[in-house]
């Protein structure tokens, strides 16, 4: 049974989503809606539309596909949750170019990187790219010291956010010294 089938069944029965086969977490009227491959991404969009119409704030777990993201926003989602990498892999940000493009294309939309984080540096990188938050579990749950790992992720998110706010320099293809030489002693 697909996510869309579950949502349609709830609607026919006049019920609200609670405990079902949907991979989701309900938080104060907000719903994290996950369609993990090989589920149909079009079902994700339709399920998001139906749940949004029922008054839920739907946070869809998706890839960095711009067209799918646009359809999710048109379906009523106000937040996008692209994956960093497939859930539980710990690979970090698999497609930095795609994520950067998505962030730039939907500049005013809150975005949370969900899934794939393995190291605090992955979270810092996501924040440096301009994402609003990261959502993770496996990296902390599977760590040898989960408490220390959670602290490390919290510090990394803060560091990445501060770096973004500091307006970092643009990367360069060639070396270019930045140390001033005017007025310095010369041994020549």
N, C-alpha and C. Protein backbone atom coordinates (compact mmCIF):
# COMPACT_ATOMS: atom_id res chain seq x y z
N UNK A 1 0.85 -1.18 0.00
CA UNK A 1 0.00 0.00 0.00
C UNK A 1 0.89 1.24 0.00
N UNK A 2 0.60 2.21 -0.86
CA UNK A 2 1.40 3.42 -0.96
C UNK A 2 0.92 4.46 0.05
N UNK A 3 1.70 5.50 0.20
CA UNK A 3 1.33 6.60 1.09
C UNK A 3 0.00 7.21 0.67
N UNK A 4 -0.16 7.37 -0.64
CA UNK A 4 -1.39 7.95 -1.16
C UNK A 4 -2.58 7.06 -0.81
N UNK A 5 -2.41 5.75 -0.91
CA UNK A 5 -3.49 4.83 -0.55
C UNK A 5 -3.90 5.01 0.92
N UNK A 6 -2.90 5.18 1.80
CA UNK A 6 -3.20 5.41 3.22
C UNK A 6 -4.00 6.70 3.41
N UNK A 7 -3.55 7.77 2.75
CA UNK A 7 -4.24 9.05 2.91
C UNK A 7 -5.66 8.96 2.38
N UNK A 8 -5.85 8.35 1.21
CA UNK A 8 -7.20 8.20 0.65
C UNK A 8 -8.09 7.38 1.58
N UNK A 9 -7.53 6.32 2.18
CA UNK A 9 -8.30 5.49 3.09
C UNK A 9 -8.74 6.30 4.31
N UNK A 10 -7.81 7.12 4.86
CA UNK A 10 -8.19 7.97 5.99
C UNK A 10 -9.33 8.90 5.61
N UNK A 11 -9.23 9.50 4.42
CA UNK A 11 -10.26 10.45 3.99
C UNK A 11 -11.61 9.76 3.86
N UNK A 12 -11.63 8.56 3.25
CA UNK A 12 -12.88 7.82 3.11
C UNK A 12 -13.47 7.45 4.45
N UNK A 13 -12.61 7.16 5.43
CA UNK A 13 -13.08 6.77 6.75
C UNK A 13 -13.29 7.98 7.67
N UNK A 14 -12.96 9.17 7.17
CA UNK A 14 -13.14 10.37 7.97
C UNK A 14 -12.17 10.46 9.13
N UNK A 15 -11.01 9.83 9.01
CA UNK A 15 -10.04 9.80 10.10
C UNK A 15 -8.86 10.72 9.81
N UNK A 16 -8.15 11.07 10.87
CA UNK A 16 -6.91 11.81 10.76
C UNK A 16 -5.75 10.82 10.80
N UNK A 17 -4.63 11.13 10.15
CA UNK A 17 -3.48 10.24 10.21
C UNK A 17 -2.94 10.15 11.63
N UNK A 18 -2.69 8.95 12.08
CA UNK A 18 -2.07 8.72 13.39
C UNK A 18 -1.01 7.64 13.23
N UNK A 19 -1.31 6.43 13.61
CA UNK A 19 -0.35 5.33 13.49
C UNK A 19 -0.69 4.52 12.26
N UNK A 20 0.16 4.61 11.27
CA UNK A 20 -0.12 3.90 10.03
C UNK A 20 1.18 3.47 9.40
N UNK A 21 1.09 3.01 8.19
CA UNK A 21 2.27 2.62 7.44
C UNK A 21 3.04 3.82 6.89
N UNK A 22 2.52 5.03 7.05
CA UNK A 22 3.24 6.20 6.56
C UNK A 22 4.49 6.41 7.40
N UNK A 23 5.61 6.65 6.73
CA UNK A 23 6.81 7.03 7.46
C UNK A 23 6.68 8.50 7.80
N UNK A 24 6.20 8.82 8.97
CA UNK A 24 6.02 10.22 9.32
C UNK A 24 6.02 10.39 10.83
N UNK A 25 6.29 11.61 11.24
CA UNK A 25 6.26 11.97 12.64
C UNK A 25 5.30 13.14 12.78
N UNK A 26 4.38 13.07 13.70
CA UNK A 26 3.42 14.15 13.88
C UNK A 26 3.87 15.03 15.03
N UNK A 27 4.05 16.32 14.77
CA UNK A 27 4.52 17.26 15.76
C UNK A 27 3.63 18.50 15.77
N UNK A 28 2.69 18.59 16.71
CA UNK A 28 1.85 19.78 16.85
C UNK A 28 1.24 20.24 15.53
N UNK A 29 0.53 19.37 14.85
CA UNK A 29 -0.13 19.74 13.60
C UNK A 29 0.78 19.73 12.40
N UNK A 30 2.04 19.36 12.61
CA UNK A 30 2.98 19.28 11.51
C UNK A 30 3.21 17.81 11.19
N UNK A 31 3.43 17.53 9.93
CA UNK A 31 3.59 16.15 9.49
C UNK A 31 4.82 16.03 8.61
N UNK A 32 5.75 15.17 9.02
CA UNK A 32 6.89 14.85 8.17
C UNK A 32 6.46 13.68 7.31
N UNK A 33 6.38 13.90 6.02
CA UNK A 33 5.89 12.90 5.09
C UNK A 33 7.06 12.35 4.31
N UNK A 34 7.35 11.06 4.49
CA UNK A 34 8.49 10.45 3.85
C UNK A 34 8.05 9.42 2.82
N UNK A 35 8.56 9.58 1.62
CA UNK A 35 8.39 8.57 0.59
C UNK A 35 9.80 8.10 0.27
N UNK A 36 10.12 6.92 0.77
CA UNK A 36 11.45 6.37 0.58
C UNK A 36 11.43 5.51 -0.67
N UNK A 37 12.39 5.72 -1.58
CA UNK A 37 12.39 4.92 -2.80
C UNK A 37 12.25 3.44 -2.48
N UNK A 38 11.49 2.69 -3.26
CA UNK A 38 11.05 2.97 -4.62
C UNK A 38 9.62 3.50 -4.69
N UNK A 39 9.11 4.16 -3.66
CA UNK A 39 7.76 4.71 -3.70
C UNK A 39 7.63 5.72 -4.83
N UNK A 40 6.42 5.98 -5.24
CA UNK A 40 6.13 6.88 -6.34
C UNK A 40 6.12 8.32 -5.85
N UNK A 41 6.99 9.16 -6.42
CA UNK A 41 7.09 10.55 -6.00
C UNK A 41 5.80 11.32 -6.29
N UNK A 42 5.04 10.90 -7.29
CA UNK A 42 3.77 11.56 -7.59
C UNK A 42 2.77 11.30 -6.47
N UNK A 43 2.86 10.12 -5.85
CA UNK A 43 2.02 9.84 -4.69
C UNK A 43 2.38 10.76 -3.53
N UNK A 44 3.67 11.07 -3.39
CA UNK A 44 4.09 12.01 -2.35
C UNK A 44 3.42 13.36 -2.55
N UNK A 45 3.42 13.85 -3.77
CA UNK A 45 2.81 15.16 -4.07
C UNK A 45 1.31 15.12 -3.78
N UNK A 46 0.64 14.07 -4.21
CA UNK A 46 -0.81 13.98 -3.99
C UNK A 46 -1.13 13.82 -2.51
N UNK A 47 -0.35 13.00 -1.79
CA UNK A 47 -0.57 12.84 -0.35
C UNK A 47 -0.33 14.17 0.36
N UNK A 48 0.69 14.91 -0.05
CA UNK A 48 0.96 16.23 0.54
C UNK A 48 -0.21 17.17 0.30
N UNK A 49 -0.78 17.13 -0.90
CA UNK A 49 -1.92 17.99 -1.23
C UNK A 49 -3.11 17.66 -0.33
N UNK A 50 -3.43 16.38 -0.23
CA UNK A 50 -4.59 15.97 0.58
C UNK A 50 -4.39 16.32 2.06
N UNK A 51 -3.20 16.09 2.57
CA UNK A 51 -2.94 16.39 3.98
C UNK A 51 -2.92 17.90 4.23
N UNK A 52 -2.38 18.66 3.28
CA UNK A 52 -2.39 20.13 3.41
C UNK A 52 -3.82 20.65 3.43
N UNK A 53 -4.67 20.08 2.58
CA UNK A 53 -6.08 20.48 2.55
C UNK A 53 -6.77 20.16 3.88
N UNK A 54 -6.29 19.15 4.59
CA UNK A 54 -6.85 18.79 5.89
C UNK A 54 -6.27 19.62 7.02
N UNK A 55 -5.42 20.60 6.70
CA UNK A 55 -4.91 21.51 7.72
C UNK A 55 -3.56 21.15 8.30
N UNK A 56 -2.91 20.13 7.77
CA UNK A 56 -1.59 19.78 8.26
C UNK A 56 -0.54 20.66 7.62
N UNK A 57 0.51 20.98 8.38
CA UNK A 57 1.72 21.58 7.83
C UNK A 57 2.59 20.39 7.42
N UNK A 58 2.69 20.13 6.15
CA UNK A 58 3.39 18.95 5.65
C UNK A 58 4.84 19.30 5.34
N UNK A 59 5.75 18.55 5.92
CA UNK A 59 7.18 18.70 5.68
C UNK A 59 7.60 17.49 4.84
N UNK A 60 7.66 17.62 3.52
CA UNK A 60 7.92 16.46 2.67
C UNK A 60 9.41 16.12 2.56
N UNK A 61 9.74 14.89 2.81
CA UNK A 61 11.08 14.34 2.60
C UNK A 61 11.20 14.04 1.12
N UNK A 62 12.17 14.65 0.47
CA UNK A 62 12.27 14.54 -0.98
C UNK A 62 13.73 14.59 -1.42
N UNK A 63 13.94 14.50 -2.71
CA UNK A 63 15.28 14.69 -3.26
C UNK A 63 15.45 16.17 -3.59
N UNK A 64 16.55 16.49 -4.25
CA UNK A 64 16.81 17.89 -4.63
C UNK A 64 16.22 18.24 -5.99
N UNK A 65 15.30 17.44 -6.48
CA UNK A 65 14.66 17.67 -7.77
C UNK A 65 13.80 18.93 -7.73
N UNK A 66 14.12 19.91 -8.56
CA UNK A 66 13.42 21.20 -8.55
C UNK A 66 11.97 21.09 -8.99
N UNK A 67 11.68 20.22 -9.93
CA UNK A 67 10.31 20.09 -10.43
C UNK A 67 9.43 19.45 -9.37
N UNK A 68 9.91 18.42 -8.72
CA UNK A 68 9.15 17.81 -7.63
C UNK A 68 8.94 18.83 -6.52
N UNK A 69 9.97 19.59 -6.19
CA UNK A 69 9.86 20.60 -5.14
C UNK A 69 8.78 21.63 -5.49
N UNK A 70 8.76 22.07 -6.73
CA UNK A 70 7.74 23.03 -7.17
C UNK A 70 6.34 22.45 -7.02
N UNK A 71 6.17 21.20 -7.39
CA UNK A 71 4.86 20.54 -7.24
C UNK A 71 4.48 20.41 -5.76
N UNK A 72 5.45 20.13 -4.90
CA UNK A 72 5.16 20.03 -3.46
C UNK A 72 4.71 21.38 -2.90
N UNK A 73 5.34 22.45 -3.34
CA UNK A 73 4.93 23.79 -2.89
C UNK A 73 3.53 24.12 -3.41
N UNK A 74 3.26 23.77 -4.66
CA UNK A 74 1.92 23.99 -5.22
C UNK A 74 0.87 23.15 -4.50
N UNK A 75 1.28 22.02 -3.94
CA UNK A 75 0.36 21.14 -3.21
C UNK A 75 0.07 21.65 -1.81
N UNK A 76 0.74 22.72 -1.39
CA UNK A 76 0.46 23.30 -0.09
C UNK A 76 1.59 23.22 0.92
N UNK A 77 2.69 22.59 0.57
CA UNK A 77 3.83 22.51 1.49
C UNK A 77 4.47 23.89 1.59
N UNK A 78 4.85 24.26 2.80
CA UNK A 78 5.51 25.54 3.01
C UNK A 78 6.97 25.36 3.40
N UNK A 79 7.38 24.12 3.57
CA UNK A 79 8.74 23.75 3.93
C UNK A 79 9.15 22.60 3.01
N UNK A 80 10.40 22.57 2.62
CA UNK A 80 10.93 21.44 1.85
C UNK A 80 12.03 20.76 2.66
N UNK A 81 12.08 19.44 2.56
CA UNK A 81 13.09 18.68 3.30
C UNK A 81 13.86 17.76 2.34
N UNK A 82 14.79 18.34 1.57
CA UNK A 82 15.58 17.48 0.69
C UNK A 82 16.57 16.65 1.49
N UNK A 83 16.85 15.46 0.98
CA UNK A 83 17.83 14.62 1.65
C UNK A 83 19.24 15.09 1.35
N UNK A 84 20.14 14.84 2.29
CA UNK A 84 21.55 15.05 2.01
C UNK A 84 22.07 13.85 1.22
N UNK A 85 21.62 12.69 1.63
CA UNK A 85 21.94 11.40 1.01
C UNK A 85 20.83 10.45 1.42
N UNK A 86 20.76 9.27 0.82
CA UNK A 86 19.71 8.34 1.23
C UNK A 86 19.71 8.09 2.74
N UNK A 87 18.54 7.93 3.28
CA UNK A 87 18.33 7.81 4.72
C UNK A 87 19.19 6.69 5.32
N UNK A 88 19.85 7.02 6.42
CA UNK A 88 20.64 6.04 7.15
C UNK A 88 22.02 5.75 6.60
N UNK A 89 22.43 6.43 5.52
CA UNK A 89 23.72 6.10 4.89
C UNK A 89 24.90 6.79 5.54
N UNK A 90 24.69 7.99 6.12
CA UNK A 90 25.80 8.72 6.71
C UNK A 90 26.77 9.30 5.70
N UNK A 91 26.36 9.41 4.44
CA UNK A 91 27.25 9.87 3.38
C UNK A 91 27.40 11.39 3.30
N UNK A 92 26.57 12.13 4.02
CA UNK A 92 26.65 13.59 3.96
C UNK A 92 25.86 14.15 2.80
N UNK A 93 26.38 15.20 2.20
CA UNK A 93 25.68 15.86 1.11
C UNK A 93 26.15 15.27 -0.20
N UNK A 94 25.37 14.35 -0.75
CA UNK A 94 25.72 13.62 -1.96
C UNK A 94 25.78 14.51 -3.19
N UNK A 95 24.88 15.48 -3.31
CA UNK A 95 24.79 16.31 -4.50
C UNK A 95 24.80 17.78 -4.09
N UNK A 96 25.97 18.28 -3.77
CA UNK A 96 26.10 19.66 -3.31
C UNK A 96 25.60 20.63 -4.38
N UNK A 97 25.90 20.37 -5.63
CA UNK A 97 25.45 21.25 -6.71
C UNK A 97 23.92 21.31 -6.74
N UNK A 98 23.25 20.15 -6.68
CA UNK A 98 21.79 20.12 -6.69
C UNK A 98 21.19 20.82 -5.49
N UNK A 99 21.77 20.63 -4.32
CA UNK A 99 21.26 21.28 -3.11
C UNK A 99 21.48 22.79 -3.17
N UNK A 100 22.64 23.22 -3.63
CA UNK A 100 22.91 24.65 -3.77
C UNK A 100 21.93 25.28 -4.77
N UNK A 101 21.68 24.59 -5.87
CA UNK A 101 20.74 25.08 -6.88
C UNK A 101 19.33 25.17 -6.29
N UNK A 102 18.93 24.16 -5.54
CA UNK A 102 17.60 24.16 -4.93
C UNK A 102 17.47 25.33 -3.95
N UNK A 103 18.50 25.53 -3.12
CA UNK A 103 18.46 26.62 -2.14
C UNK A 103 18.33 27.96 -2.85
N UNK A 104 19.06 28.15 -3.93
CA UNK A 104 19.01 29.42 -4.67
C UNK A 104 17.67 29.59 -5.37
N UNK A 105 17.13 28.52 -5.93
CA UNK A 105 15.88 28.58 -6.69
C UNK A 105 14.68 28.89 -5.80
N UNK A 106 14.69 28.35 -4.59
CA UNK A 106 13.58 28.55 -3.64
C UNK A 106 14.10 29.34 -2.44
N UNK A 107 14.64 30.51 -2.71
CA UNK A 107 15.33 31.31 -1.69
C UNK A 107 14.46 31.63 -0.48
N UNK A 108 13.18 31.85 -0.67
CA UNK A 108 12.31 32.24 0.43
C UNK A 108 11.62 31.08 1.15
N UNK A 109 11.90 29.86 0.75
CA UNK A 109 11.24 28.69 1.32
C UNK A 109 12.12 28.09 2.41
N UNK A 110 11.58 27.89 3.62
CA UNK A 110 12.37 27.21 4.64
C UNK A 110 12.74 25.80 4.17
N UNK A 111 14.00 25.42 4.39
CA UNK A 111 14.48 24.10 3.96
C UNK A 111 15.29 23.44 5.05
N UNK A 112 15.00 22.17 5.23
CA UNK A 112 15.67 21.35 6.24
C UNK A 112 16.31 20.17 5.53
N UNK A 113 17.61 19.99 5.73
CA UNK A 113 18.26 18.79 5.19
C UNK A 113 17.86 17.63 6.09
N UNK A 114 17.25 16.63 5.49
CA UNK A 114 16.77 15.47 6.23
C UNK A 114 17.42 14.23 5.65
N UNK A 115 18.17 13.54 6.45
CA UNK A 115 18.72 12.23 6.12
C UNK A 115 20.10 12.31 5.49
N UNK A 116 20.86 11.27 5.74
CA UNK A 116 22.16 11.12 5.14
C UNK A 116 23.32 11.70 5.93
N UNK A 117 23.04 12.46 6.99
CA UNK A 117 24.11 13.04 7.77
C UNK A 117 24.86 11.94 8.53
N UNK A 118 26.18 12.00 8.49
CA UNK A 118 26.98 11.02 9.21
C UNK A 118 27.96 11.67 10.17
N UNK A 119 28.40 12.88 9.83
CA UNK A 119 29.38 13.60 10.63
C UNK A 119 28.90 15.02 10.88
N UNK A 120 29.32 15.62 11.99
CA UNK A 120 28.97 17.01 12.23
C UNK A 120 29.39 17.95 11.10
N UNK A 121 30.50 17.64 10.44
CA UNK A 121 30.94 18.50 9.32
C UNK A 121 29.91 18.51 8.19
N UNK A 122 29.15 17.43 8.02
CA UNK A 122 28.08 17.41 7.01
C UNK A 122 27.01 18.45 7.37
N UNK A 123 26.65 18.52 8.64
CA UNK A 123 25.63 19.48 9.09
C UNK A 123 26.15 20.91 8.93
N UNK A 124 27.42 21.14 9.28
CA UNK A 124 27.99 22.47 9.13
C UNK A 124 27.94 22.89 7.65
N UNK A 125 28.27 21.98 6.76
CA UNK A 125 28.25 22.28 5.33
C UNK A 125 26.84 22.64 4.87
N UNK A 126 25.84 21.89 5.34
CA UNK A 126 24.45 22.18 4.97
C UNK A 126 24.07 23.60 5.42
N UNK A 127 24.46 23.96 6.61
CA UNK A 127 24.14 25.29 7.12
C UNK A 127 24.90 26.37 6.33
N UNK A 128 26.15 26.10 5.97
CA UNK A 128 26.94 27.04 5.17
C UNK A 128 26.29 27.28 3.81
N UNK A 129 25.61 26.26 3.28
CA UNK A 129 24.92 26.40 1.99
C UNK A 129 23.63 27.22 2.11
N UNK A 130 23.22 27.53 3.32
CA UNK A 130 22.04 28.36 3.51
C UNK A 130 20.79 27.61 3.93
N UNK A 131 20.91 26.33 4.27
CA UNK A 131 19.74 25.59 4.74
C UNK A 131 19.40 26.04 6.15
N UNK A 132 18.16 25.89 6.52
CA UNK A 132 17.67 26.43 7.79
C UNK A 132 17.89 25.51 8.97
N UNK A 133 18.01 24.23 8.71
CA UNK A 133 18.20 23.26 9.79
C UNK A 133 18.59 21.92 9.18
N UNK A 134 18.99 21.00 10.03
CA UNK A 134 19.19 19.61 9.63
C UNK A 134 18.38 18.74 10.58
N UNK A 135 17.89 17.64 10.05
CA UNK A 135 17.16 16.67 10.84
C UNK A 135 17.92 15.36 10.71
N UNK A 136 18.28 14.78 11.84
CA UNK A 136 19.07 13.56 11.78
C UNK A 136 18.71 12.65 12.94
N UNK A 137 19.08 11.41 12.79
CA UNK A 137 18.89 10.42 13.84
C UNK A 137 20.03 9.42 13.85
N UNK A 138 20.23 8.71 12.75
CA UNK A 138 21.14 7.58 12.72
C UNK A 138 22.56 7.96 13.15
N UNK A 139 23.05 9.12 12.73
CA UNK A 139 24.42 9.52 13.07
C UNK A 139 24.62 9.60 14.58
N UNK A 140 23.61 10.05 15.29
CA UNK A 140 23.69 10.14 16.75
C UNK A 140 23.39 8.78 17.38
N UNK A 141 22.33 8.14 16.92
CA UNK A 141 21.91 6.87 17.51
C UNK A 141 22.97 5.78 17.36
N UNK A 142 23.72 5.80 16.27
CA UNK A 142 24.70 4.74 16.01
C UNK A 142 26.11 5.11 16.48
N UNK A 143 26.28 6.30 17.01
CA UNK A 143 27.61 6.73 17.47
C UNK A 143 28.02 5.95 18.72
N UNK A 144 29.31 5.79 18.91
CA UNK A 144 29.82 5.13 20.11
C UNK A 144 29.44 5.90 21.36
N UNK A 145 29.40 7.22 21.26
CA UNK A 145 28.99 8.09 22.37
C UNK A 145 27.92 9.05 21.83
N UNK A 146 26.65 8.63 21.86
CA UNK A 146 25.59 9.45 21.28
C UNK A 146 25.48 10.86 21.87
N UNK A 147 25.73 11.00 23.16
CA UNK A 147 25.62 12.32 23.79
C UNK A 147 26.69 13.25 23.23
N UNK A 148 27.92 12.78 23.14
CA UNK A 148 28.99 13.60 22.58
C UNK A 148 28.72 13.92 21.11
N UNK A 149 28.19 12.95 20.36
CA UNK A 149 27.90 13.19 18.94
C UNK A 149 26.79 14.23 18.79
N UNK A 150 25.77 14.15 19.64
CA UNK A 150 24.69 15.15 19.58
C UNK A 150 25.24 16.54 19.87
N UNK A 151 26.12 16.65 20.85
CA UNK A 151 26.74 17.95 21.15
C UNK A 151 27.56 18.44 19.95
N UNK A 152 28.31 17.52 19.34
CA UNK A 152 29.14 17.90 18.19
C UNK A 152 28.27 18.40 17.04
N UNK A 153 27.14 17.73 16.79
CA UNK A 153 26.23 18.19 15.74
C UNK A 153 25.65 19.56 16.07
N UNK A 154 25.28 19.78 17.32
CA UNK A 154 24.72 21.08 17.71
C UNK A 154 25.75 22.19 17.47
N UNK A 155 26.99 21.93 17.83
CA UNK A 155 28.04 22.93 17.63
C UNK A 155 28.31 23.14 16.14
N UNK A 156 28.26 22.07 15.37
CA UNK A 156 28.49 22.18 13.93
C UNK A 156 27.40 23.00 13.25
N UNK A 157 26.15 22.78 13.65
CA UNK A 157 25.04 23.55 13.09
C UNK A 157 25.23 25.03 13.42
N UNK A 158 25.61 25.31 14.64
CA UNK A 158 25.84 26.70 15.03
C UNK A 158 27.00 27.30 14.25
N UNK A 159 28.09 26.55 14.12
CA UNK A 159 29.26 27.05 13.37
C UNK A 159 28.91 27.29 11.91
N UNK A 160 28.19 26.36 11.29
CA UNK A 160 27.80 26.52 9.89
C UNK A 160 26.89 27.72 9.68
N UNK A 161 25.98 27.91 10.60
CA UNK A 161 25.06 29.05 10.51
C UNK A 161 25.81 30.37 10.69
N UNK A 162 26.74 30.40 11.64
CA UNK A 162 27.54 31.61 11.86
C UNK A 162 28.42 31.90 10.64
N UNK A 163 28.98 30.86 10.05
CA UNK A 163 29.82 31.05 8.86
C UNK A 163 29.00 31.64 7.72
N UNK A 164 27.81 31.14 7.53
CA UNK A 164 26.92 31.66 6.47
C UNK A 164 26.61 33.14 6.72
N UNK A 165 26.31 33.47 7.97
CA UNK A 165 25.97 34.85 8.33
C UNK A 165 27.17 35.79 8.19
N UNK A 166 28.38 35.25 8.27
CA UNK A 166 29.59 36.07 8.19
C UNK A 166 29.95 36.46 6.75
N UNK A 167 29.13 36.05 5.79
CA UNK A 167 29.37 36.36 4.38
C UNK A 167 30.76 35.89 3.94
N UNK A 168 30.94 34.57 3.86
CA UNK A 168 32.26 34.03 3.54
C UNK A 168 32.73 34.43 2.14
N UNK A 169 34.04 34.39 1.97
CA UNK A 169 34.63 34.72 0.67
C UNK A 169 34.20 33.69 -0.36
N UNK A 170 34.19 34.09 -1.60
CA UNK A 170 33.91 33.18 -2.70
C UNK A 170 35.14 32.30 -2.94
N UNK A 171 34.92 31.06 -3.30
CA UNK A 171 36.03 30.18 -3.65
C UNK A 171 36.67 30.68 -4.94
N UNK A 172 37.98 30.48 -5.05
CA UNK A 172 38.72 30.93 -6.23
C UNK A 172 39.35 29.73 -6.92
N UNK A 173 39.50 29.84 -8.22
CA UNK A 173 40.16 28.78 -8.99
C UNK A 173 41.68 28.91 -8.94
N UNK A 174 42.18 30.09 -8.63
CA UNK A 174 43.63 30.33 -8.64
C UNK A 174 44.04 31.02 -7.35
N UNK A 175 45.31 30.85 -7.00
CA UNK A 175 45.85 31.49 -5.80
C UNK A 175 45.84 33.00 -5.97
N UNK A 176 45.54 33.69 -4.89
CA UNK A 176 45.55 35.14 -4.89
C UNK A 176 45.85 35.60 -3.47
N UNK A 177 47.06 36.12 -3.23
CA UNK A 177 47.43 36.49 -1.86
C UNK A 177 46.54 37.62 -1.33
N UNK A 178 46.25 37.54 -0.05
CA UNK A 178 45.41 38.58 0.55
C UNK A 178 46.17 39.36 1.62
N UNK A 179 47.39 38.97 1.93
CA UNK A 179 48.18 39.68 2.93
C UNK A 179 48.69 40.98 2.32
N UNK A 180 48.43 42.11 2.99
CA UNK A 180 48.91 43.39 2.43
C UNK A 180 50.45 43.43 2.42
N UNK A 181 51.01 43.97 1.35
CA UNK A 181 52.48 44.08 1.25
C UNK A 181 52.93 45.52 1.28
N UNK A 182 52.05 46.46 1.06
CA UNK A 182 52.40 47.87 1.07
C UNK A 182 52.79 48.28 2.48
N UNK A 183 53.93 48.91 2.63
CA UNK A 183 54.39 49.38 3.93
C UNK A 183 55.10 48.32 4.74
N UNK A 184 55.38 47.16 4.16
CA UNK A 184 56.09 46.09 4.85
C UNK A 184 57.57 46.14 4.51
N UNK A 185 58.40 45.68 5.41
CA UNK A 185 59.84 45.65 5.17
C UNK A 185 60.15 44.69 4.03
N UNK A 186 61.13 45.00 3.26
CA UNK A 186 61.54 44.17 2.12
C UNK A 186 63.02 43.83 2.28
N UNK A 187 63.36 42.60 2.03
CA UNK A 187 64.77 42.19 2.12
C UNK A 187 65.42 42.18 0.75
N UNK A 188 65.05 42.98 -0.10
CA UNK A 188 65.56 42.91 -1.46
C UNK A 188 66.40 44.01 -1.84
